[in-house]
N, C-alpha and C. Protein backbone atom coordinates (compact mmCIF):
# COMPACT_ATOMS: atom_id res chain seq x y z
N MET A 1 -27.09 -3.77 0.20
CA MET A 1 -26.57 -2.51 0.73
C MET A 1 -25.30 -2.79 1.54
N VAL A 2 -24.38 -1.88 1.47
CA VAL A 2 -23.10 -2.02 2.16
C VAL A 2 -23.27 -1.68 3.64
N ASP A 3 -22.69 -2.49 4.50
CA ASP A 3 -22.70 -2.22 5.93
C ASP A 3 -21.47 -1.39 6.28
N LEU A 4 -21.68 -0.10 6.50
CA LEU A 4 -20.57 0.82 6.75
C LEU A 4 -19.78 0.44 7.99
N MET A 5 -20.46 0.06 9.05
CA MET A 5 -19.77 -0.28 10.29
C MET A 5 -18.95 -1.56 10.11
N GLU A 6 -19.44 -2.48 9.29
CA GLU A 6 -18.69 -3.71 9.01
C GLU A 6 -17.40 -3.37 8.24
N LEU A 7 -17.53 -2.49 7.24
CA LEU A 7 -16.35 -2.06 6.50
C LEU A 7 -15.36 -1.33 7.41
N LYS A 8 -15.88 -0.48 8.28
CA LYS A 8 -15.02 0.25 9.21
C LYS A 8 -14.27 -0.74 10.11
N ALA A 9 -14.98 -1.72 10.65
CA ALA A 9 -14.38 -2.72 11.53
C ALA A 9 -13.34 -3.56 10.80
N ALA A 10 -13.53 -3.73 9.48
CA ALA A 10 -12.61 -4.54 8.69
C ALA A 10 -11.38 -3.75 8.23
N GLY A 11 -11.30 -2.48 8.62
CA GLY A 11 -10.10 -1.71 8.30
C GLY A 11 -10.20 -0.78 7.11
N ALA A 12 -11.42 -0.42 6.71
CA ALA A 12 -11.55 0.53 5.61
C ALA A 12 -10.91 1.87 5.99
N GLN A 13 -10.43 2.58 4.99
CA GLN A 13 -9.86 3.91 5.21
C GLN A 13 -11.00 4.89 5.46
N LEU A 14 -10.83 5.74 6.45
CA LEU A 14 -11.85 6.71 6.82
C LEU A 14 -11.36 8.09 6.40
N VAL A 15 -12.04 8.68 5.41
CA VAL A 15 -11.62 9.97 4.87
C VAL A 15 -12.73 11.00 5.07
N ASP A 16 -12.42 12.00 5.89
CA ASP A 16 -13.34 13.09 6.19
C ASP A 16 -13.01 14.25 5.25
N VAL A 17 -13.95 14.64 4.40
CA VAL A 17 -13.68 15.67 3.40
C VAL A 17 -14.18 17.06 3.83
N ARG A 18 -14.48 17.22 5.11
CA ARG A 18 -14.87 18.54 5.61
C ARG A 18 -13.65 19.45 5.73
N THR A 19 -13.89 20.70 6.05
CA THR A 19 -12.79 21.66 6.24
C THR A 19 -12.02 21.30 7.51
N PRO A 20 -10.77 21.76 7.61
CA PRO A 20 -10.01 21.52 8.85
C PRO A 20 -10.71 22.07 10.09
N ALA A 21 -11.40 23.20 9.96
CA ALA A 21 -12.12 23.78 11.11
C ALA A 21 -13.26 22.86 11.54
N GLU A 22 -14.01 22.31 10.58
CA GLU A 22 -15.09 21.39 10.91
C GLU A 22 -14.52 20.12 11.57
N PHE A 23 -13.45 19.61 10.99
CA PHE A 23 -12.81 18.39 11.51
C PHE A 23 -12.35 18.60 12.96
N ALA A 24 -11.80 19.78 13.25
CA ALA A 24 -11.30 20.08 14.59
C ALA A 24 -12.42 20.12 15.63
N GLN A 25 -13.63 20.40 15.20
CA GLN A 25 -14.76 20.48 16.13
C GLN A 25 -15.30 19.11 16.52
N GLY A 26 -14.90 18.08 15.80
CA GLY A 26 -15.33 16.71 16.10
C GLY A 26 -15.07 15.83 14.90
N ASN A 27 -14.62 14.60 15.15
CA ASN A 27 -14.30 13.71 14.04
C ASN A 27 -14.36 12.25 14.47
N VAL A 28 -14.29 11.39 13.50
CA VAL A 28 -14.30 9.95 13.74
C VAL A 28 -12.88 9.52 14.10
N PRO A 29 -12.70 8.86 15.24
CA PRO A 29 -11.36 8.39 15.60
C PRO A 29 -10.77 7.52 14.48
N GLY A 30 -9.53 7.80 14.13
CA GLY A 30 -8.85 7.05 13.09
C GLY A 30 -9.04 7.60 11.69
N SER A 31 -9.83 8.66 11.57
CA SER A 31 -10.06 9.22 10.24
C SER A 31 -8.98 10.22 9.87
N VAL A 32 -8.81 10.42 8.57
CA VAL A 32 -7.88 11.41 8.06
C VAL A 32 -8.69 12.53 7.41
N ASN A 33 -8.27 13.76 7.62
CA ASN A 33 -8.96 14.91 7.06
C ASN A 33 -8.30 15.32 5.74
N ILE A 34 -9.01 15.09 4.65
CA ILE A 34 -8.58 15.55 3.33
C ILE A 34 -9.75 16.36 2.78
N PRO A 35 -9.73 17.68 2.98
CA PRO A 35 -10.83 18.51 2.50
C PRO A 35 -11.09 18.30 1.01
N LEU A 36 -12.35 18.38 0.62
CA LEU A 36 -12.74 18.13 -0.77
C LEU A 36 -11.90 18.95 -1.75
N ASP A 37 -11.61 20.21 -1.41
CA ASP A 37 -10.85 21.04 -2.35
C ASP A 37 -9.37 20.65 -2.44
N GLN A 38 -8.92 19.73 -1.60
CA GLN A 38 -7.54 19.24 -1.65
C GLN A 38 -7.45 17.79 -2.15
N LEU A 39 -8.59 17.19 -2.43
CA LEU A 39 -8.62 15.76 -2.72
C LEU A 39 -7.74 15.36 -3.91
N LEU A 40 -7.84 16.05 -5.02
CA LEU A 40 -7.04 15.68 -6.19
C LEU A 40 -5.55 15.74 -5.89
N ALA A 41 -5.12 16.74 -5.16
CA ALA A 41 -3.70 16.89 -4.84
C ALA A 41 -3.21 15.87 -3.82
N ARG A 42 -4.13 15.32 -3.02
CA ARG A 42 -3.72 14.42 -1.94
C ARG A 42 -4.18 12.98 -2.13
N MET A 43 -4.62 12.62 -3.33
CA MET A 43 -5.09 11.25 -3.57
C MET A 43 -4.04 10.20 -3.27
N GLY A 44 -2.78 10.55 -3.37
CA GLY A 44 -1.71 9.60 -3.08
C GLY A 44 -1.71 9.11 -1.64
N GLU A 45 -2.42 9.80 -0.76
CA GLU A 45 -2.53 9.40 0.64
C GLU A 45 -3.57 8.31 0.85
N ILE A 46 -4.34 8.02 -0.20
CA ILE A 46 -5.42 7.03 -0.11
C ILE A 46 -5.02 5.77 -0.86
N ASP A 47 -5.01 4.65 -0.17
CA ASP A 47 -4.63 3.36 -0.73
C ASP A 47 -5.72 2.85 -1.68
N ARG A 48 -5.37 2.64 -2.93
CA ARG A 48 -6.33 2.17 -3.93
C ARG A 48 -6.77 0.72 -3.69
N THR A 49 -6.02 -0.03 -2.89
CA THR A 49 -6.32 -1.45 -2.72
C THR A 49 -7.26 -1.73 -1.55
N ARG A 50 -7.59 -0.70 -0.78
CA ARG A 50 -8.47 -0.89 0.39
C ARG A 50 -9.76 -0.09 0.22
N PRO A 51 -10.86 -0.57 0.82
CA PRO A 51 -12.11 0.20 0.77
C PRO A 51 -11.92 1.59 1.40
N VAL A 52 -12.64 2.56 0.86
CA VAL A 52 -12.57 3.93 1.35
C VAL A 52 -13.98 4.38 1.75
N LEU A 53 -14.13 4.81 3.00
CA LEU A 53 -15.38 5.40 3.46
C LEU A 53 -15.18 6.91 3.48
N LEU A 54 -15.97 7.62 2.70
CA LEU A 54 -15.90 9.07 2.60
C LEU A 54 -17.08 9.67 3.35
N PHE A 55 -16.83 10.74 4.08
CA PHE A 55 -17.92 11.38 4.82
C PHE A 55 -17.64 12.85 5.03
N CYS A 56 -18.71 13.58 5.39
CA CYS A 56 -18.61 15.02 5.60
C CYS A 56 -19.68 15.40 6.62
N ALA A 57 -20.29 16.55 6.47
CA ALA A 57 -21.32 16.98 7.41
C ALA A 57 -22.68 16.35 7.10
N SER A 58 -22.99 16.21 5.80
CA SER A 58 -24.32 15.71 5.44
C SER A 58 -24.32 14.63 4.36
N GLY A 59 -23.24 14.52 3.62
CA GLY A 59 -23.17 13.55 2.53
C GLY A 59 -22.99 14.18 1.17
N GLY A 60 -23.16 15.50 1.06
CA GLY A 60 -23.01 16.17 -0.23
C GLY A 60 -21.58 16.19 -0.73
N ARG A 61 -20.68 16.69 0.10
CA ARG A 61 -19.27 16.76 -0.30
C ARG A 61 -18.67 15.37 -0.44
N SER A 62 -19.06 14.44 0.43
CA SER A 62 -18.52 13.09 0.31
C SER A 62 -19.03 12.40 -0.96
N GLY A 63 -20.22 12.75 -1.40
CA GLY A 63 -20.72 12.23 -2.67
C GLY A 63 -19.88 12.73 -3.84
N MET A 64 -19.51 14.01 -3.78
CA MET A 64 -18.64 14.57 -4.82
C MET A 64 -17.25 13.92 -4.76
N ALA A 65 -16.74 13.69 -3.56
CA ALA A 65 -15.44 13.05 -3.39
C ALA A 65 -15.46 11.63 -3.96
N LYS A 66 -16.55 10.92 -3.75
CA LYS A 66 -16.69 9.56 -4.30
C LYS A 66 -16.62 9.61 -5.82
N GLN A 67 -17.29 10.57 -6.43
CA GLN A 67 -17.25 10.69 -7.89
C GLN A 67 -15.83 10.95 -8.38
N VAL A 68 -15.10 11.79 -7.68
CA VAL A 68 -13.71 12.08 -8.05
C VAL A 68 -12.87 10.81 -7.98
N LEU A 69 -12.95 10.11 -6.86
CA LEU A 69 -12.13 8.89 -6.70
C LEU A 69 -12.54 7.81 -7.69
N ASP A 70 -13.84 7.68 -7.93
CA ASP A 70 -14.30 6.70 -8.92
C ASP A 70 -13.71 7.01 -10.30
N ARG A 71 -13.72 8.28 -10.69
CA ARG A 71 -13.15 8.69 -11.98
C ARG A 71 -11.66 8.41 -12.06
N GLU A 72 -10.99 8.46 -10.93
CA GLU A 72 -9.54 8.24 -10.88
C GLU A 72 -9.18 6.76 -10.72
N GLY A 73 -10.17 5.88 -10.74
CA GLY A 73 -9.90 4.45 -10.74
C GLY A 73 -9.95 3.74 -9.40
N TYR A 74 -10.41 4.43 -8.37
CA TYR A 74 -10.59 3.77 -7.07
C TYR A 74 -11.85 2.92 -7.16
N ALA A 75 -11.72 1.64 -6.83
CA ALA A 75 -12.83 0.71 -7.06
C ALA A 75 -13.74 0.50 -5.85
N GLN A 76 -13.25 0.77 -4.66
CA GLN A 76 -14.02 0.44 -3.46
C GLN A 76 -14.32 1.70 -2.64
N THR A 77 -15.07 2.63 -3.23
CA THR A 77 -15.39 3.87 -2.54
C THR A 77 -16.85 3.85 -2.09
N HIS A 78 -17.11 4.44 -0.93
CA HIS A 78 -18.46 4.46 -0.37
C HIS A 78 -18.73 5.82 0.25
N ASN A 79 -19.88 6.40 -0.08
CA ASN A 79 -20.31 7.65 0.55
C ASN A 79 -21.03 7.28 1.83
N ALA A 80 -20.38 7.55 2.97
CA ALA A 80 -20.97 7.21 4.27
C ALA A 80 -21.89 8.31 4.79
N GLY A 81 -22.00 9.43 4.05
CA GLY A 81 -22.88 10.51 4.48
C GLY A 81 -22.25 11.34 5.59
N ALA A 82 -23.06 11.61 6.61
CA ALA A 82 -22.60 12.42 7.73
C ALA A 82 -21.57 11.68 8.56
N TRP A 83 -20.56 12.39 9.03
CA TRP A 83 -19.48 11.76 9.82
C TRP A 83 -20.01 11.08 11.06
N THR A 84 -21.11 11.58 11.61
CA THR A 84 -21.69 11.00 12.83
C THR A 84 -22.26 9.59 12.58
N ASN A 85 -22.47 9.22 11.30
CA ASN A 85 -22.94 7.86 10.99
C ASN A 85 -21.91 6.80 11.37
N LEU A 86 -20.66 7.21 11.54
CA LEU A 86 -19.58 6.23 11.79
C LEU A 86 -19.11 6.23 13.24
N LEU A 87 -19.83 6.91 14.10
CA LEU A 87 -19.45 6.91 15.52
C LEU A 87 -20.02 5.72 16.24
């Protein structure tokens, strides 16, 4: 099993796929907010050569985001579930 905190400490990209309103109410320091419905248009903001930790409120949207990135050729994607898992 992947150690999310180890990946975070090693410099993985932190991508929060919640809405901007949800992100504004609380977020993981250092994370970038790319809402799930904007992911395809904003994939260029995500480095393909580094691990990506995806998260949302519960893990549902981040699971969908992982599938999108995997289909687009990102090799190191991880569904971290709820954003609070990375605090």
